[in-house]
C-alpha atoms as a PDB file:
ATOM      1  CA  MET A   1      47.534 -60.011  17.045  1.00  0.00           C
ATOM      2  CA  ARG A   2      48.140 -58.411  14.415  1.00  0.00           C
ATOM      3  CA  ARG A   3      45.459 -59.240  12.429  1.00  0.00           C
ATOM      4  CA  ILE A   4      43.319 -57.216  14.501  1.00  0.00           C
ATOM      5  CA  LEU A   5      44.588 -54.730  15.420  1.00  0.00           C
ATOM      6  CA  PHE A   6      43.869 -52.391  12.636  1.00  0.00           C
ATOM      7  CA  PRO A   7      40.763 -53.046  12.525  1.00  0.00           C
ATOM      8  CA  LEU A   8      40.339 -52.277  16.173  1.00  0.00           C
ATOM      9  CA  ILE A   9      42.412 -48.989  16.079  1.00  0.00           C
ATOM     10  CA  LEU A  10      39.921 -47.703  13.621  1.00  0.00           C
ATOM     11  CA  GLY A  11      37.269 -48.770  15.855  1.00  0.00           C
ATOM     12  CA  ILE A  12      38.631 -47.295  19.028  1.00  0.00           C
ATOM     13  CA  VAL A  13      39.506 -44.133  16.966  1.00  0.00           C
ATOM     14  CA  GLY A  14      35.980 -43.552  14.908  1.00  0.00           C
ATOM     15  CA  CYS A  15      34.232 -43.897  18.557  1.00  0.00           C
ATOM     16  CA  ALA A  16      35.849 -41.561  19.978  1.00  0.00           C
ATOM     17  CA  ILE A  17      35.534 -39.007  17.049  1.00  0.00           C
ATOM     18  CA  LEU A  18      31.771 -39.721  16.804  1.00  0.00           C
ATOM     19  CA  ILE A  19      31.175 -39.413  20.333  1.00  0.00           C
ATOM     20  CA  GLN A  20      33.258 -36.183  21.009  1.00  0.00           C
ATOM     21  CA  LEU A  21      30.421 -34.989  18.006  1.00  0.00           C
ATOM     22  CA  GLY A  22      27.746 -35.710  20.230  1.00  0.00           C
ATOM     23  CA  LEU A  23      29.607 -34.507  23.254  1.00  0.00           C
ATOM     24  CA  TRP A  24      29.386 -31.053  21.286  1.00  0.00           C
ATOM     25  CA  GLN A  25      26.165 -31.467  20.567  1.00  0.00           C
ATOM     26  CA  LEU A  26      25.709 -31.449  23.960  1.00  0.00           C
ATOM     27  CA  ARG A  27      27.479 -28.828  24.488  1.00  0.00           C
ATOM     28  CA  ARG A  28      25.765 -26.397  21.709  1.00  0.00           C
ATOM     29  CA  MET A  29      22.235 -27.265  23.836  1.00  0.00           C
ATOM     30  CA  ASP A  30      23.411 -25.942  26.861  1.00  0.00           C
ATOM     31  CA  TRP A  31      24.490 -22.693  24.353  1.00  0.00           C
ATOM     32  CA  LYS A  32      21.423 -22.289  23.051  1.00  0.00           C
ATOM     33  CA  GLU A  33      19.646 -23.299  26.100  1.00  0.00           C
ATOM     34  CA  GLY A  34      21.477 -20.015  27.657  1.00  0.00           C
ATOM     35  CA  MET A  35      21.033 -17.979  24.675  1.00  0.00           C
ATOM     36  CA  ILE A  36      16.727 -18.574  24.524  1.00  0.00           C
ATOM     37  CA  ALA A  37      16.560 -17.695  28.002  1.00  0.00           C
ATOM     38  CA  SER A  38      18.331 -14.582  27.756  1.00  0.00           C
ATOM     39  CA  ILE A  39      16.722 -13.579  24.354  1.00  0.00           C
ATOM     40  CA  GLU A  40      12.896 -14.858  26.516  1.00  0.00           C
ATOM     41  CA  ALA A  41      14.175 -11.956  29.614  1.00  0.00           C
ATOM     42  CA  GLY A  42      15.005  -9.455  27.007  1.00  0.00           C
ATOM     43  CA  ILE A  43      11.569 -10.134  25.400  1.00  0.00           C
ATOM     44  CA  GLN A  44       9.503  -9.709  28.394  1.00  0.00           C
ATOM     45  CA  ALA A  45      11.756  -7.180  30.083  1.00  0.00           C
ATOM     46  CA  GLU A  46      10.049  -3.281  30.673  1.00  0.00           C
ATOM     47  CA  PRO A  47       9.611  -1.820  27.743  1.00  0.00           C
ATOM     48  CA  VAL A  48      11.635   2.214  26.599  1.00  0.00           C
ATOM     49  CA  PRO A  49      10.712   4.546  23.696  1.00  0.00           C
ATOM     50  CA  LEU A  50      10.832   3.455  20.223  1.00  0.00           C
ATOM     51  CA  PRO A  51      15.112   4.660  20.405  1.00  0.00           C
ATOM     52  CA  ALA A  52      15.915   7.509  18.036  1.00  0.00           C
ATOM     53  CA  ALA A  53      18.575   5.063  16.099  1.00  0.00           C
ATOM     54  CA  VAL A  54      17.784   1.331  15.468  1.00  0.00           C
ATOM     55  CA  ASP A  55      19.042  -1.233  14.256  1.00  0.00           C
ATOM     56  CA  PRO A  56      19.097  -5.034  14.080  1.00  0.00           C
ATOM     57  CA  SER A  57      21.114  -5.407  16.752  1.00  0.00           C
ATOM     58  CA  MET A  58      18.223  -4.289  18.931  1.00  0.00           C
ATOM     59  CA  LYS A  59      16.227  -6.959  17.806  1.00  0.00           C
ATOM     60  CA  TYR A  60      13.714  -8.544  20.523  1.00  0.00           C
ATOM     61  CA  LEU A  61      14.034  -5.073  22.061  1.00  0.00           C
ATOM     62  CA  PRO A  62      10.339  -4.066  23.992  1.00  0.00           C
ATOM     63  CA  VAL A  63       9.397  -1.147  22.422  1.00  0.00           C
ATOM     64  CA  THR A  64       6.814   1.444  22.721  1.00  0.00           C
ATOM     65  CA  VAL A  65       5.160   3.678  20.252  1.00  0.00           C
ATOM     66  CA  SER A  66       2.027   5.886  19.954  1.00  0.00           C
ATOM     67  CA  GLY A  67       0.968   7.280  16.556  1.00  0.00           C
ATOM     68  CA  THR A  68      -1.627   6.438  13.584  1.00  0.00           C
ATOM     69  CA  THR A  69      -1.744   4.162  11.121  1.00  0.00           C
ATOM     70  CA  THR A  70      -2.195   5.361   8.030  1.00  0.00           C
ATOM     71  CA  GLY A  71      -4.327   2.923   5.608  1.00  0.00           C
ATOM     72  CA  ALA A  72      -2.078   1.685   3.768  1.00  0.00           C
ATOM     73  CA  GLU A  73      -0.497  -2.082   4.590  1.00  0.00           C
ATOM     74  CA  ILE A  74       0.787  -5.435   3.769  1.00  0.00           C
ATOM     75  CA  ASP A  75      -0.774  -8.902   3.875  1.00  0.00           C
ATOM     76  CA  VAL A  76       1.753 -11.921   5.025  1.00  0.00           C
ATOM     77  CA  LEU A  77       0.992 -14.930   4.215  1.00  0.00           C
ATOM     78  CA  SER A  78       0.321 -16.485   7.566  1.00  0.00           C
ATOM     79  CA  HIS A  79      -1.807 -19.270  10.089  1.00  0.00           C
ATOM     80  CA  THR A  80      -2.521 -19.873  14.205  1.00  0.00           C
ATOM     81  CA  LYS A  81      -3.302 -23.281  15.499  1.00  0.00           C
ATOM     82  CA  GLU A  82      -6.371 -22.244  16.351  1.00  0.00           C
ATOM     83  CA  GLN A  83      -8.320 -20.237  13.258  1.00  0.00           C
ATOM     84  CA  GLY A  84      -6.047 -21.966  10.738  1.00  0.00           C
ATOM     85  CA  GLY A  85      -4.742 -20.082   7.520  1.00  0.00           C
ATOM     86  CA  GLY A  86      -4.940 -16.193   7.169  1.00  0.00           C
ATOM     87  CA  TYR A  87      -3.258 -13.499   6.865  1.00  0.00           C
ATOM     88  CA  GLN A  88      -0.201 -11.088   9.239  1.00  0.00           C
ATOM     89  CA  VAL A  89      -1.638  -6.939   8.611  1.00  0.00           C
ATOM     90  CA  VAL A  90       1.764  -5.208   8.492  1.00  0.00           C
ATOM     91  CA  SER A  91       0.720  -1.275   8.874  1.00  0.00           C
ATOM     92  CA  ARG A  92       2.441   2.156   7.833  1.00  0.00           C
ATOM     93  CA  PHE A  93       2.339   3.733  11.157  1.00  0.00           C
ATOM     94  CA  VAL A  94       3.247   7.412  11.418  1.00  0.00           C
ATOM     95  CA  THR A  95       4.609   8.301  15.008  1.00  0.00           C
ATOM     96  CA  ASP A  96       3.665  10.926  17.324  1.00  0.00           C
ATOM     97  CA  ASP A  97       7.051  12.524  16.658  1.00  0.00           C
ATOM     98  CA  GLY A  98       6.460  12.174  12.919  1.00  0.00           C
ATOM     99  CA  ARG A  99       8.510   8.603  11.898  1.00  0.00           C
ATOM    100  CA  ALA A 100       6.810   6.345   9.179  1.00  0.00           C
ATOM    101  CA  ILE A 101       7.360   2.970  10.691  1.00  0.00           C
ATOM    102  CA  MET A 102       6.007  -0.284  10.438  1.00  0.00           C
ATOM    103  CA  VAL A 103       3.504  -2.018  13.098  1.00  0.00           C
ATOM    104  CA  ASP A 104       3.180  -5.708  12.464  1.00  0.00           C
ATOM    105  CA  ARG A 105      -0.647  -5.503  14.222  1.00  0.00           C
ATOM    106  CA  GLY A 106      -1.121  -9.084  14.155  1.00  0.00           C
ATOM    107  CA  PHE A 107      -3.358 -11.752  12.216  1.00  0.00           C
ATOM    108  CA  VAL A 108      -6.882 -12.123  10.397  1.00  0.00           C
ATOM    109  CA  PRO A 109      -8.746 -14.972   9.021  1.00  0.00           C
ATOM    110  CA  GLN A 110      -8.580 -15.400   5.255  1.00  0.00           C
ATOM    111  CA  GLU A 111     -12.231 -13.888   5.512  1.00  0.00           C
ATOM    112  CA  LEU A 112     -11.172 -10.802   7.265  1.00  0.00           C
ATOM    113  CA  ARG A 113      -8.347  -9.908   5.327  1.00  0.00           C
ATOM    114  CA  HIS A 114     -10.250  -7.416   3.224  1.00  0.00           C
ATOM    115  CA  VAL A 115     -12.709  -5.500   5.609  1.00  0.00           C
ATOM    116  CA  GLU A 116     -11.326  -1.990   5.289  1.00  0.00           C
ATOM    117  CA  ARG A 117      -9.203  -0.658   7.893  1.00  0.00           C
ATOM    118  CA  PRO A 118      -9.177   3.027   8.232  1.00  0.00           C
ATOM    119  CA  PRO A 119      -6.179   5.680   9.790  1.00  0.00           C
ATOM    120  CA  VAL A 120      -6.958   4.457  13.090  1.00  0.00           C
ATOM    121  CA  ARG A 121      -4.868   6.133  16.504  1.00  0.00           C
ATOM    122  CA  LEU A 122      -3.004   3.468  18.279  1.00  0.00           C
ATOM    123  CA  ASN A 123      -0.976   3.567  21.435  1.00  0.00           C
ATOM    124  CA  ILE A 124       1.755  -0.107  20.838  1.00  0.00           C
ATOM    125  CA  ARG A 125       3.830  -1.975  23.176  1.00  0.00           C
ATOM    126  CA  GLY A 126       5.938  -4.745  21.387  1.00  0.00           C
ATOM    127  CA  ASN A 127       9.330  -6.187  19.982  1.00  0.00           C
ATOM    128  CA  LEU A 128      11.323  -4.859  17.312  1.00  0.00           C
ATOM    129  CA  HIS A 129      12.340  -8.036  14.811  1.00  0.00           C
ATOM    130  CA  TRP A 130      13.954  -8.426  11.922  1.00  0.00           C
ATOM    131  CA  PRO A 131      12.204 -11.762  10.939  1.00  0.00           C
ATOM    132  CA  ASP A 132      14.311 -14.267   9.195  1.00  0.00           C
ATOM    133  CA  GLU A 133      12.016 -15.677   7.320  1.00  0.00           C
ATOM    134  CA  LYS A 134      13.076 -15.511   3.478  1.00  0.00           C
ATOM    135  CA  GLY A 135      14.613 -18.426   1.880  1.00  0.00           C
ATOM    136  CA  SER A 136      15.759 -19.617  -1.260  1.00  0.00           C
ATOM    137  CA  ALA A 137      12.483 -21.120  -1.925  1.00  0.00           C
ATOM    138  CA  THR A 138      10.639 -18.438  -0.032  1.00  0.00           C
ATOM    139  CA  PRO A 139       8.455 -16.953  -3.706  1.00  0.00           C
ATOM    140  CA  ASP A 140       8.237 -13.264  -4.059  1.00  0.00           C
ATOM    141  CA  PRO A 141       5.532 -10.596  -3.320  1.00  0.00           C
ATOM    142  CA  ASN A 142       2.828 -11.209  -5.319  1.00  0.00           C
ATOM    143  CA  LEU A 143       2.459  -6.924  -5.841  1.00  0.00           C
ATOM    144  CA  ASP A 144      -0.692  -6.883  -7.174  1.00  0.00           C
ATOM    145  CA  GLU A 145      -2.377  -9.137  -4.791  1.00  0.00           C
ATOM    146  CA  ASN A 146      -0.298  -7.158  -2.166  1.00  0.00           C
ATOM    147  CA  ILE A 147       0.203 -10.779  -0.643  1.00  0.00           C
ATOM    148  CA  TRP A 148       4.024 -11.393   0.504  1.00  0.00           C
ATOM    149  CA  PHE A 149       5.111 -14.907   1.705  1.00  0.00           C
ATOM    150  CA  ALA A 150       7.957 -13.491   4.133  1.00  0.00           C
ATOM    151  CA  ARG A 151       8.475 -10.433   6.478  1.00  0.00           C
ATOM    152  CA  ASP A 152      11.086  -8.719   4.671  1.00  0.00           C
ATOM    153  CA  VAL A 153      12.024  -5.606   6.554  1.00  0.00           C
ATOM    154  CA  PRO A 154      13.858  -3.360   4.026  1.00  0.00           C
ATOM    155  CA  ALA A 155      11.662  -4.716   1.014  1.00  0.00           C
ATOM    156  CA  MET A 156       8.696  -4.149   2.715  1.00  0.00           C
ATOM    157  CA  ALA A 157      10.109  -0.601   4.134  1.00  0.00           C
ATOM    158  CA  GLU A 158      10.238   0.301   0.349  1.00  0.00           C
ATOM    159  CA  VAL A 159       6.958  -0.504  -0.755  1.00  0.00           C
ATOM    160  CA  LEU A 160       5.390   1.265   2.686  1.00  0.00           C
ATOM    161  CA  ASP A 161       7.915   4.294   2.341  1.00  0.00           C
ATOM    162  CA  THR A 162       8.768   3.522   5.812  1.00  0.00           C
ATOM    163  CA  GLN A 163      11.921   3.647   7.630  1.00  0.00           C
ATOM    164  CA  PRO A 164      13.389  -0.338   8.085  1.00  0.00           C
ATOM    165  CA  ILE A 165      11.766  -0.368  11.091  1.00  0.00           C
ATOM    166  CA  LEU A 166       9.471  -2.624  12.414  1.00  0.00           C
ATOM    167  CA  VAL A 167       7.508  -3.628  15.166  1.00  0.00           C
ATOM    168  CA  VAL A 168       6.199  -6.227  16.449  1.00  0.00           C
ATOM    169  CA  ALA A 169       3.177  -5.416  18.094  1.00  0.00           C
ATOM    170  CA  SER A 170       1.898  -7.177  22.128  1.00  0.00           C
ATOM    171  CA  PHE A 171      -0.205  -4.961  23.322  1.00  0.00           C
ATOM    172  CA  VAL A 172      -2.663  -2.535  21.142  1.00  0.00           C
ATOM    173  CA  GLU A 173      -4.428   0.356  23.124  1.00  0.00           C
ATOM    174  CA  GLY A 174      -7.237   1.508  20.674  1.00  0.00           C
ATOM    175  CA  ASP A 175      -9.312  -0.002  17.546  1.00  0.00           C
ATOM    176  CA  ALA A 176      -7.856  -2.833  16.905  1.00  0.00           C
ATOM    177  CA  GLN A 177     -10.167  -4.005  13.844  1.00  0.00           C
ATOM    178  CA  GLY A 178      -9.979  -6.522  14.997  1.00  0.00           C
ATOM    179  CA  VAL A 179      -6.008  -7.364  14.177  1.00  0.00           C
ATOM    180  CA  GLU A 180      -5.417 -10.181  17.106  1.00  0.00           C
ATOM    181  CA  PRO A 181      -1.498  -9.516  18.073  1.00  0.00           C
ATOM    182  CA  ILE A 182       0.719 -12.275  17.540  1.00  0.00           C
ATOM    183  CA  PRO A 183       3.337 -11.205  20.029  1.00  0.00           C
ATOM    184  CA  VAL A 184       7.166 -11.998  19.236  1.00  0.00           C
ATOM    185  CA  ALA A 185       7.741 -15.424  20.842  1.00  0.00           C
ATOM    186  CA  VAL A 186      10.708 -17.753  21.403  1.00  0.00           C
ATOM    187  CA  GLU A 187       9.155 -21.125  19.738  1.00  0.00           C
ATOM    188  CA  GLY A 188      10.583 -19.816  17.031  1.00  0.00           C
ATOM    189  CA  ILE A 189      14.084 -20.285  17.532  1.00  0.00           C
ATOM    190  CA  PRO A 190      15.565 -23.923  16.222  1.00  0.00           C
ATOM    191  CA  ASN A 191      16.395 -25.708  18.998  1.00  0.00           C
ATOM    192  CA  ASN A 192      17.056 -29.180  17.500  1.00  0.00           C
ATOM    193  CA  HIS A 193      21.346 -30.060  19.252  1.00  0.00           C
ATOM    194  CA  LEU A 194      19.446 -32.972  21.692  1.00  0.00           C
ATOM    195  CA  SER A 195      18.364 -35.255  18.390  1.00  0.00           C
ATOM    196  CA  TYR A 196      21.835 -33.921  16.515  1.00  0.00           C
ATOM    197  CA  ALA A 197      23.328 -35.211  19.438  1.00  0.00           C
ATOM    198  CA  VAL A 198      21.329 -38.890  19.744  1.00  0.00           C
ATOM    199  CA  GLN A 199      21.893 -39.967  16.509  1.00  0.00           C
ATOM    200  CA  TRP A 200      26.202 -39.137  16.589  1.00  0.00           C
ATOM    201  CA  PHE A 201      25.990 -41.359  19.518  1.00  0.00           C
ATOM    202  CA  LEU A 202      23.593 -44.152  17.784  1.00  0.00           C
ATOM    203  CA  ILE A 203      26.466 -44.034  14.542  1.00  0.00           C
ATOM    204  CA  ALA A 204      29.117 -44.047  17.448  1.00  0.00           C
ATOM    205  CA  ALA A 205      27.165 -47.299  18.371  1.00  0.00           C
ATOM    206  CA  THR A 206      26.994 -48.662  15.400  1.00  0.00           C
ATOM    207  CA  TRP A 207      30.282 -47.530  15.186  1.00  0.00           C
ATOM    208  CA  ALA A 208      31.335 -49.909  17.541  1.00  0.00           C
ATOM    209  CA  GLY A 209      29.274 -52.478  16.380  1.00  0.00           C
ATOM    210  CA  MET A 210      30.873 -53.590  13.578  1.00  0.00           C
ATOM    211  CA  THR A 211      33.926 -53.119  15.234  1.00  0.00           C
ATOM    212  CA  VAL A 212      33.168 -56.235  17.440  1.00  0.00           C
ATOM    213  CA  ALA A 213      31.885 -57.801  14.290  1.00  0.00           C
ATOM    214  CA  LEU A 214      34.273 -57.220  12.167  1.00  0.00           C
ATOM    215  CA  ILE A 215      36.794 -58.782  14.826  1.00  0.00           C
ATOM    216  CA  TRP A 216      35.513 -61.619  15.730  1.00  0.00           C
ATOM    217  CA  ARG A 217      34.955 -62.533  12.122  1.00  0.00           C
ATOM    218  CA  ILE A 218      38.697 -62.091  11.511  1.00  0.00           C
ATOM    219  CA  ARG A 219      39.348 -64.449  14.887  1.00  0.00           C
ATOM    220  CA  GLN A 220      37.379 -67.183  13.152  1.00  0.00           C
ATOM    221  CA  ARG A 221      39.457 -67.429  10.416  1.00  0.00           C
ATOM    222  CA  LYS A 222      41.523 -69.070  12.384  1.00  0.00           C
ATOM    223  CA  TYR A 223      39.815 -71.887  13.109  1.00  0.00           C
END
């Protein structure tokens, strides 16, 4: 009995730890699902006029803005399932009260990228957004070609000479100039906790199987 006591304890403790890790991931999944539901409810709430003071804590806040584009824009490399590769058009936008902000007007396919989009008056409903798209592997923007690889709000604001405010349009009233809005959605928020939990439970089952096999081999040595 003494010969199998240590591997038995090791097996039980290891399985307990691994199962607890799996259960923790399930709790995290419940938390993430609640957070996503809350964000989705916020995205779909009744929009308000753009606040006088804006900061990243207001991410996803539904807002309305009225004003005029200036013709200055940034093209962010993008794609859709329906149209394939193209660009998201981020325009410099001057509101009726004189504030220069940015509006992500939506998507244009590759062939429409260089179509001229002169200043136009628009009424826009959308959401404040600070996308977390720029990682360590994201290339710097090609300023000569005006091609960006991520929506970096502070950097785009500096180039377009605006406040660091980005409104992602969900509805545009006026001449959209061929730009199709892509509203903010929760689909891009990762929630992989269930797969992580399954992995921990599978490791626990493997650990238990190895423990049983080891104890069986130790017992066999008696004969």
